[in-house]
Amino acid sequence: MRFLYLIAILFPFVLLSQDNSKSVFTLKPTLGVNGCQIHGDNYSGYNKLGLFGGVAVNARFNNKTSLDIGFYFSQKGARHNPNPEKGDYSYYRVNLDYIDLPVLLRYKLNPAYFITVGPSIAYLVNYNENINYVDFTGDFKFNKFETGVNIGLGRKMLKEKFFVEVRCSNSITSVRDYGQIANLVFYPNPVARFFNKGFYNNILTLMFSYNIDFKKKSETQQP
């Protein structure tokens, strides 16, 4: 809920800061693919692919800075395939379906490139888990809410209508807790104590967006 309050607080300032002669709201339908792994599951590598898609509203402050408020469907999770050549016969796959709501500051580095950075909150709508080809869905619960931090690098294409971006997102709250006994382990490093309470999503997203500029459309309709 604090995240929603943050949006409610920031949005009026976005409106007031608009330069009406130059700044407009744009809608950005987006489609992409996630490379997924989970920190804490004893496996490594972005071995699971997931769908990423949705829409964002961009509120432009000025020619360099704007705010993206997104609403996305995002598939996360992890996958480990057997490797008999190394004596590894284990199999693991978990698929996590989220509704993802990021609020990102977008800054133009130059006419072509931009960066995005900001927090997000996600709600888990569905999941399934398979360990060594046995369905464990429902046996070990995942947390319904995930908060995370996002940073991305993008490039405009085709006269600011199309954009491509590579975005990295990481959980800052665990998506599954280790449990009471594991949480009693003491880590001397405060960073390790914070990030060793369970499983954390680690996602790389390749995304393509299309810019729909409402102001320009309305201006072209004027006589």
C-alpha atoms as a PDB file:
ATOM      1  CA  MET A   1       0.000   0.000   0.000  1.00  0.00           C
ATOM      2  CA  ARG A   2       2.902   2.389   0.665  1.00  0.00           C
ATOM      3  CA  PHE A   3       3.887   1.954  -2.968  1.00  0.00           C
ATOM      4  CA  LEU A   4       0.421   3.059  -4.127  1.00  0.00           C
ATOM      5  CA  TYR A   5       0.583   6.049  -1.798  1.00  0.00           C
ATOM      6  CA  LEU A   6       3.899   7.009  -3.418  1.00  0.00           C
ATOM      7  CA  ILE A   7       2.250   6.998  -6.850  1.00  0.00           C
ATOM      8  CA  ALA A   8      -0.643   9.104  -5.552  1.00  0.00           C
ATOM      9  CA  ILE A   9       1.791  11.644  -4.074  1.00  0.00           C
ATOM     10  CA  LEU A  10       4.059  11.868  -7.125  1.00  0.00           C
ATOM     11  CA  PHE A  11       1.383  12.032  -9.801  1.00  0.00           C
ATOM     12  CA  PRO A  12       0.046  15.566  -9.002  1.00  0.00           C
ATOM     13  CA  PHE A  13       3.606  16.904  -9.045  1.00  0.00           C
ATOM     14  CA  VAL A  14       4.085  15.320 -12.453  1.00  0.00           C
ATOM     15  CA  LEU A  15       0.994  17.126 -13.706  1.00  0.00           C
ATOM     16  CA  LEU A  16       2.054  20.481 -12.271  1.00  0.00           C
ATOM     17  CA  SER A  17       5.584  20.196 -13.622  1.00  0.00           C
ATOM     18  CA  GLN A  18       4.474  19.691 -17.197  1.00  0.00           C
ATOM     19  CA  ASP A  19       5.490  22.276 -19.773  1.00  0.00           C
ATOM     20  CA  ASN A  20       2.316  22.238 -21.890  1.00  0.00           C
ATOM     21  CA  SER A  21       4.116  23.667 -24.893  1.00  0.00           C
ATOM     22  CA  LYS A  22       6.520  20.709 -25.039  1.00  0.00           C
ATOM     23  CA  SER A  23       5.443  17.994 -22.607  1.00  0.00           C
ATOM     24  CA  VAL A  24       2.791  15.369 -23.197  1.00  0.00           C
ATOM     25  CA  PHE A  25       1.553  12.085 -21.811  1.00  0.00           C
ATOM     26  CA  THR A  26       2.292   9.056 -23.950  1.00  0.00           C
ATOM     27  CA  LEU A  27       1.085   5.469 -23.806  1.00  0.00           C
ATOM     28  CA  LYS A  28       3.653   2.724 -24.333  1.00  0.00           C
ATOM     29  CA  PRO A  29       2.440  -0.784 -25.179  1.00  0.00           C
ATOM     30  CA  THR A  30       5.343  -3.145 -24.490  1.00  0.00           C
ATOM     31  CA  LEU A  31       6.258  -6.728 -25.336  1.00  0.00           C
ATOM     32  CA  GLY A  32       9.386  -8.588 -24.325  1.00  0.00           C
ATOM     33  CA  VAL A  33      11.021 -11.658 -22.872  1.00  0.00           C
ATOM     34  CA  ASN A  34      12.496 -12.327 -19.420  1.00  0.00           C
ATOM     35  CA  GLY A  35      15.672 -14.248 -18.676  1.00  0.00           C
ATOM     36  CA  CYS A  36      15.048 -15.565 -15.153  1.00  0.00           C
ATOM     37  CA  GLN A  37      16.926 -16.960 -12.198  1.00  0.00           C
ATOM     38  CA  ILE A  38      16.346 -17.112  -8.439  1.00  0.00           C
ATOM     39  CA  HIS A  39      18.994 -16.191  -5.912  1.00  0.00           C
ATOM     40  CA  GLY A  40      18.960 -18.735  -3.083  1.00  0.00           C
ATOM     41  CA  ASP A  41      17.881 -21.884  -4.946  1.00  0.00           C
ATOM     42  CA  ASN A  42      21.478 -23.270  -5.270  1.00  0.00           C
ATOM     43  CA  TYR A  43      21.377 -22.959  -9.061  1.00  0.00           C
ATOM     44  CA  SER A  44      22.740 -20.215 -11.294  1.00  0.00           C
ATOM     45  CA  GLY A  45      22.186 -18.863 -14.780  1.00  0.00           C
ATOM     46  CA  TYR A  46      19.321 -17.203 -16.627  1.00  0.00           C
ATOM     47  CA  ASN A  47      18.041 -20.588 -17.804  1.00  0.00           C
ATOM     48  CA  LYS A  48      14.306 -19.928 -17.732  1.00  0.00           C
ATOM     49  CA  LEU A  49      12.493 -17.749 -20.248  1.00  0.00           C
ATOM     50  CA  GLY A  50       9.298 -15.884 -19.449  1.00  0.00           C
ATOM     51  CA  LEU A  51       6.826 -13.607 -21.190  1.00  0.00           C
ATOM     52  CA  PHE A  52       6.805  -9.896 -20.414  1.00  0.00           C
ATOM     53  CA  GLY A  53       4.100  -7.587 -21.702  1.00  0.00           C
ATOM     54  CA  GLY A  54       1.798  -4.741 -20.820  1.00  0.00           C
ATOM     55  CA  VAL A  55       1.545  -0.986 -21.001  1.00  0.00           C
ATOM     56  CA  ALA A  56       3.074   2.077 -19.354  1.00  0.00           C
ATOM     57  CA  VAL A  57       2.033   5.709 -19.120  1.00  0.00           C
ATOM     58  CA  ASN A  58       4.905   8.137 -19.593  1.00  0.00           C
ATOM     59  CA  ALA A  59       4.620  11.594 -18.032  1.00  0.00           C
ATOM     60  CA  ARG A  60       7.288  13.891 -19.410  1.00  0.00           C
ATOM     61  CA  PHE A  61       8.848  16.493 -17.101  1.00  0.00           C
ATOM     62  CA  ASN A  62      11.075  18.087 -19.761  1.00  0.00           C
ATOM     63  CA  ASN A  63      13.103  17.104 -22.807  1.00  0.00           C
ATOM     64  CA  LYS A  64      15.389  14.852 -20.762  1.00  0.00           C
ATOM     65  CA  THR A  65      13.408  13.547 -17.794  1.00  0.00           C
ATOM     66  CA  SER A  66      10.108  11.691 -17.540  1.00  0.00           C
ATOM     67  CA  LEU A  67       8.257   9.187 -15.352  1.00  0.00           C
ATOM     68  CA  ASP A  68       7.042   5.749 -16.436  1.00  0.00           C
ATOM     69  CA  ILE A  69       4.149   4.146 -14.519  1.00  0.00           C
ATOM     70  CA  GLY A  70       3.777   0.595 -15.782  1.00  0.00           C
ATOM     71  CA  PHE A  71       1.254  -2.234 -15.616  1.00  0.00           C
ATOM     72  CA  TYR A  72       2.779  -5.502 -16.846  1.00  0.00           C
ATOM     73  CA  PHE A  73       2.312  -9.258 -16.857  1.00  0.00           C
ATOM     74  CA  SER A  74       5.698 -10.771 -16.048  1.00  0.00           C
ATOM     75  CA  GLN A  75       6.701 -14.442 -15.881  1.00  0.00           C
ATOM     76  CA  LYS A  76       9.609 -15.086 -13.523  1.00  0.00           C
ATOM     77  CA  GLY A  77      11.155 -18.126 -11.858  1.00  0.00           C
ATOM     78  CA  ALA A  78      14.049 -20.518 -12.431  1.00  0.00           C
ATOM     79  CA  ARG A  79      15.000 -23.680 -14.281  1.00  0.00           C
ATOM     80  CA  HIS A  80      17.755 -26.270 -13.910  1.00  0.00           C
ATOM     81  CA  ASN A  81      18.130 -29.102 -16.419  1.00  0.00           C
ATOM     82  CA  PRO A  82      19.992 -32.376 -15.764  1.00  0.00           C
ATOM     83  CA  ASN A  83      23.599 -32.694 -16.944  1.00  0.00           C
ATOM     84  CA  PRO A  84      24.427 -36.435 -16.985  1.00  0.00           C
ATOM     85  CA  GLU A  85      27.937 -35.776 -18.316  1.00  0.00           C
ATOM     86  CA  LYS A  86      28.753 -34.102 -14.986  1.00  0.00           C
ATOM     87  CA  GLY A  87      26.798 -36.615 -12.920  1.00  0.00           C
ATOM     88  CA  ASP A  88      23.971 -34.148 -12.320  1.00  0.00           C
ATOM     89  CA  TYR A  89      20.529 -35.749 -12.734  1.00  0.00           C
ATOM     90  CA  SER A  90      18.533 -33.175 -10.822  1.00  0.00           C
ATOM     91  CA  TYR A  91      15.724 -31.175 -12.405  1.00  0.00           C
ATOM     92  CA  TYR A  92      14.085 -28.040 -11.091  1.00  0.00           C
ATOM     93  CA  ARG A  93      11.585 -25.624 -12.578  1.00  0.00           C
ATOM     94  CA  VAL A  94       9.412 -22.964 -11.003  1.00  0.00           C
ATOM     95  CA  ASN A  95       7.219 -20.543 -12.933  1.00  0.00           C
ATOM     96  CA  LEU A  96       5.933 -17.401 -11.181  1.00  0.00           C
ATOM     97  CA  ASP A  97       3.271 -15.258 -12.881  1.00  0.00           C
ATOM     98  CA  TYR A  98       3.166 -11.675 -11.607  1.00  0.00           C
ATOM     99  CA  ILE A  99       1.267  -8.470 -12.203  1.00  0.00           C
ATOM    100  CA  ASP A 100       4.165  -6.006 -12.052  1.00  0.00           C
ATOM    101  CA  LEU A 101       3.752  -2.292 -11.250  1.00  0.00           C
ATOM    102  CA  PRO A 102       6.990  -0.283 -11.651  1.00  0.00           C
ATOM    103  CA  VAL A 103       7.410   3.475 -11.206  1.00  0.00           C
ATOM    104  CA  LEU A 104      10.570   4.441 -13.071  1.00  0.00           C
ATOM    105  CA  LEU A 105      12.440   7.660 -13.626  1.00  0.00           C
ATOM    106  CA  ARG A 106      13.545   7.879 -17.256  1.00  0.00           C
ATOM    107  CA  TYR A 107      16.491  10.077 -18.226  1.00  0.00           C
ATOM    108  CA  LYS A 108      17.848  10.753 -21.737  1.00  0.00           C
ATOM    109  CA  LEU A 109      21.615  10.421 -21.871  1.00  0.00           C
ATOM    110  CA  ASN A 110      21.688  11.784 -25.431  1.00  0.00           C
ATOM    111  CA  PRO A 111      19.261  11.925 -28.399  1.00  0.00           C
ATOM    112  CA  ALA A 112      19.491   8.144 -28.851  1.00  0.00           C
ATOM    113  CA  TYR A 113      20.026   6.494 -25.438  1.00  0.00           C
ATOM    114  CA  PHE A 114      18.205   6.657 -22.112  1.00  0.00           C
ATOM    115  CA  ILE A 115      18.305   4.998 -18.693  1.00  0.00           C
ATOM    116  CA  THR A 116      15.447   3.979 -16.393  1.00  0.00           C
ATOM    117  CA  VAL A 117      15.634   3.423 -12.647  1.00  0.00           C
ATOM    118  CA  GLY A 118      13.099   2.986  -9.869  1.00  0.00           C
ATOM    119  CA  PRO A 119      11.124   0.676  -7.569  1.00  0.00           C
ATOM    120  CA  SER A 120       8.354  -1.797  -8.351  1.00  0.00           C
ATOM    121  CA  ILE A 121       5.789  -3.907  -6.573  1.00  0.00           C
ATOM    122  CA  ALA A 122       4.439  -7.169  -7.979  1.00  0.00           C
ATOM    123  CA  TYR A 123       1.525  -9.444  -7.083  1.00  0.00           C
ATOM    124  CA  LEU A 124       1.814 -13.192  -7.598  1.00  0.00           C
ATOM    125  CA  VAL A 125      -1.285 -14.437  -9.448  1.00  0.00           C
ATOM    126  CA  ASN A 126      -0.196 -18.018 -10.160  1.00  0.00           C
ATOM    127  CA  TYR A 127       2.753 -20.383  -9.846  1.00  0.00           C
ATOM    128  CA  ASN A 128       3.813 -23.969 -10.395  1.00  0.00           C
ATOM    129  CA  GLU A 129       6.882 -25.842  -9.177  1.00  0.00           C
ATOM    130  CA  ASN A 130       8.471 -29.122 -10.287  1.00  0.00           C
ATOM    131  CA  ILE A 131      11.341 -30.821  -8.417  1.00  0.00           C
ATOM    132  CA  ASN A 132      12.890 -33.895 -10.063  1.00  0.00           C
ATOM    133  CA  TYR A 133       9.778 -34.311 -12.228  1.00  0.00           C
ATOM    134  CA  VAL A 134       7.430 -34.312  -9.233  1.00  0.00           C
ATOM    135  CA  ASP A 135       4.805 -31.581  -8.905  1.00  0.00           C
ATOM    136  CA  PHE A 136       5.375 -29.671  -5.649  1.00  0.00           C
ATOM    137  CA  THR A 137       2.959 -26.827  -6.438  1.00  0.00           C
ATOM    138  CA  GLY A 138       1.333 -25.693  -3.202  1.00  0.00           C
ATOM    139  CA  ASP A 139       3.691 -27.568  -0.869  1.00  0.00           C
ATOM    140  CA  PHE A 140       6.055 -24.634  -0.302  1.00  0.00           C
ATOM    141  CA  LYS A 141       4.284 -21.304  -0.472  1.00  0.00           C
ATOM    142  CA  PHE A 142       5.593 -18.238  -2.278  1.00  0.00           C
ATOM    143  CA  ASN A 143       4.871 -14.771  -0.926  1.00  0.00           C
ATOM    144  CA  LYS A 144       2.035 -12.969  -2.677  1.00  0.00           C
ATOM    145  CA  PHE A 145       3.859  -9.627  -2.898  1.00  0.00           C
ATOM    146  CA  GLU A 146       7.322  -8.806  -4.178  1.00  0.00           C
ATOM    147  CA  THR A 147       9.064  -5.441  -4.010  1.00  0.00           C
ATOM    148  CA  GLY A 148      12.027  -4.796  -6.247  1.00  0.00           C
ATOM    149  CA  VAL A 149      14.417  -2.318  -7.807  1.00  0.00           C
ATOM    150  CA  ASN A 150      14.891  -1.849 -11.561  1.00  0.00           C
ATOM    151  CA  ILE A 151      17.552  -0.315 -13.779  1.00  0.00           C
ATOM    152  CA  GLY A 152      17.603  -0.306 -17.565  1.00  0.00           C
ATOM    153  CA  LEU A 153      19.383   1.008 -20.643  1.00  0.00           C
ATOM    154  CA  GLY A 154      17.389   1.740 -23.780  1.00  0.00           C
ATOM    155  CA  ARG A 155      17.618   3.179 -27.253  1.00  0.00           C
ATOM    156  CA  LYS A 156      15.077   4.931 -29.433  1.00  0.00           C
ATOM    157  CA  MET A 157      14.365   3.663 -32.951  1.00  0.00           C
ATOM    158  CA  LEU A 158      12.406   4.962 -35.933  1.00  0.00           C
ATOM    159  CA  LYS A 159      11.785   8.635 -35.027  1.00  0.00           C
ATOM    160  CA  GLU A 160      10.925   8.072 -31.353  1.00  0.00           C
ATOM    161  CA  LYS A 161       8.071   5.688 -32.128  1.00  0.00           C
ATOM    162  CA  PHE A 162       9.817   2.433 -31.227  1.00  0.00           C
ATOM    163  CA  PHE A 163      12.146   1.770 -28.299  1.00  0.00           C
ATOM    164  CA  VAL A 164      14.268  -1.190 -27.256  1.00  0.00           C
ATOM    165  CA  GLU A 165      15.457  -1.589 -23.674  1.00  0.00           C
ATOM    166  CA  VAL A 166      17.414  -4.082 -21.582  1.00  0.00           C
ATOM    167  CA  ARG A 167      16.252  -3.937 -17.983  1.00  0.00           C
ATOM    168  CA  CYS A 168      17.563  -5.664 -14.871  1.00  0.00           C
ATOM    169  CA  SER A 169      15.226  -6.161 -11.915  1.00  0.00           C
ATOM    170  CA  ASN A 170      15.986  -7.670  -8.517  1.00  0.00           C
ATOM    171  CA  SER A 171      13.809  -8.472  -5.528  1.00  0.00           C
ATOM    172  CA  ILE A 172      14.571  -6.584  -2.331  1.00  0.00           C
ATOM    173  CA  THR A 173      12.064  -8.635  -0.353  1.00  0.00           C
ATOM    174  CA  SER A 174      12.124 -12.420  -0.504  1.00  0.00           C
ATOM    175  CA  VAL A 175       9.635 -14.183  -2.778  1.00  0.00           C
ATOM    176  CA  ARG A 176       9.849 -17.271  -0.535  1.00  0.00           C
ATOM    177  CA  ASP A 177      11.159 -17.309   3.038  1.00  0.00           C
ATOM    178  CA  TYR A 178      13.738 -19.878   4.114  1.00  0.00           C
ATOM    179  CA  GLY A 179      11.841 -20.651   7.290  1.00  0.00           C
ATOM    180  CA  GLN A 180      12.298 -20.062  11.001  1.00  0.00           C
ATOM    181  CA  ILE A 181      15.409 -22.220  11.527  1.00  0.00           C
ATOM    182  CA  ALA A 182      17.303 -20.867   8.511  1.00  0.00           C
ATOM    183  CA  ASN A 183      16.472 -17.287   9.491  1.00  0.00           C
ATOM    184  CA  LEU A 184      18.310 -17.805  12.798  1.00  0.00           C
ATOM    185  CA  VAL A 185      21.647 -18.077  10.958  1.00  0.00           C
ATOM    186  CA  PHE A 186      23.746 -14.997  11.731  1.00  0.00           C
ATOM    187  CA  TYR A 187      25.664 -13.283   8.933  1.00  0.00           C
ATOM    188  CA  PRO A 188      28.357 -10.799  10.072  1.00  0.00           C
ATOM    189  CA  ASN A 189      27.826  -8.723   6.931  1.00  0.00           C
ATOM    190  CA  PRO A 190      24.684  -6.507   7.212  1.00  0.00           C
ATOM    191  CA  VAL A 191      24.065  -6.779   3.461  1.00  0.00           C
ATOM    192  CA  ALA A 192      24.186 -10.577   3.682  1.00  0.00           C
ATOM    193  CA  ARG A 193      21.796 -10.495   6.654  1.00  0.00           C
ATOM    194  CA  PHE A 194      19.320  -8.482   4.605  1.00  0.00           C
ATOM    195  CA  PHE A 195      19.507 -10.579   1.423  1.00  0.00           C
ATOM    196  CA  ASN A 196      19.759 -14.089   2.874  1.00  0.00           C
ATOM    197  CA  LYS A 197      16.248 -14.514   4.211  1.00  0.00           C
ATOM    198  CA  GLY A 198      14.915 -16.558   1.305  1.00  0.00           C
ATOM    199  CA  PHE A 199      14.547 -16.654  -2.473  1.00  0.00           C
ATOM    200  CA  TYR A 200      14.948 -13.489  -4.587  1.00  0.00           C
ATOM    201  CA  ASN A 201      14.037 -13.010  -8.241  1.00  0.00           C
ATOM    202  CA  ASN A 202      16.823 -11.846 -10.542  1.00  0.00           C
ATOM    203  CA  ILE A 203      15.524 -10.911 -13.996  1.00  0.00           C
ATOM    204  CA  LEU A 204      16.979  -9.614 -17.268  1.00  0.00           C
ATOM    205  CA  THR A 205      14.318  -8.291 -19.655  1.00  0.00           C
ATOM    206  CA  LEU A 206      14.615  -7.484 -23.346  1.00  0.00           C
ATOM    207  CA  MET A 207      11.632  -5.302 -24.209  1.00  0.00           C
ATOM    208  CA  PHE A 208      10.238  -3.457 -27.210  1.00  0.00           C
ATOM    209  CA  SER A 209       7.874  -0.492 -26.807  1.00  0.00           C
ATOM    210  CA  TYR A 210       5.757   1.618 -29.145  1.00  0.00           C
ATOM    211  CA  ASN A 211       5.054   5.268 -28.334  1.00  0.00           C
ATOM    212  CA  ILE A 212       1.470   6.556 -28.731  1.00  0.00           C
ATOM    213  CA  ASP A 213       1.484  10.353 -28.428  1.00  0.00           C
ATOM    214  CA  PHE A 214      -2.032  11.612 -27.622  1.00  0.00           C
ATOM    215  CA  LYS A 215      -1.201  15.291 -27.844  1.00  0.00           C
ATOM    216  CA  LYS A 216       0.147  15.033 -31.347  1.00  0.00           C
ATOM    217  CA  LYS A 217      -2.929  13.109 -32.419  1.00  0.00           C
ATOM    218  CA  SER A 218      -5.257  15.753 -30.985  1.00  0.00           C
ATOM    219  CA  GLU A 219      -3.287  18.544 -32.642  1.00  0.00           C
ATOM    220  CA  THR A 220      -3.567  16.903 -36.032  1.00  0.00           C
ATOM    221  CA  GLN A 221      -7.349  16.768 -35.629  1.00  0.00           C
ATOM    222  CA  GLN A 222      -7.643  20.544 -35.136  1.00  0.00           C
ATOM    223  CA  PRO A 223      -8.893  22.508 -38.188  1.00  0.00           C
END
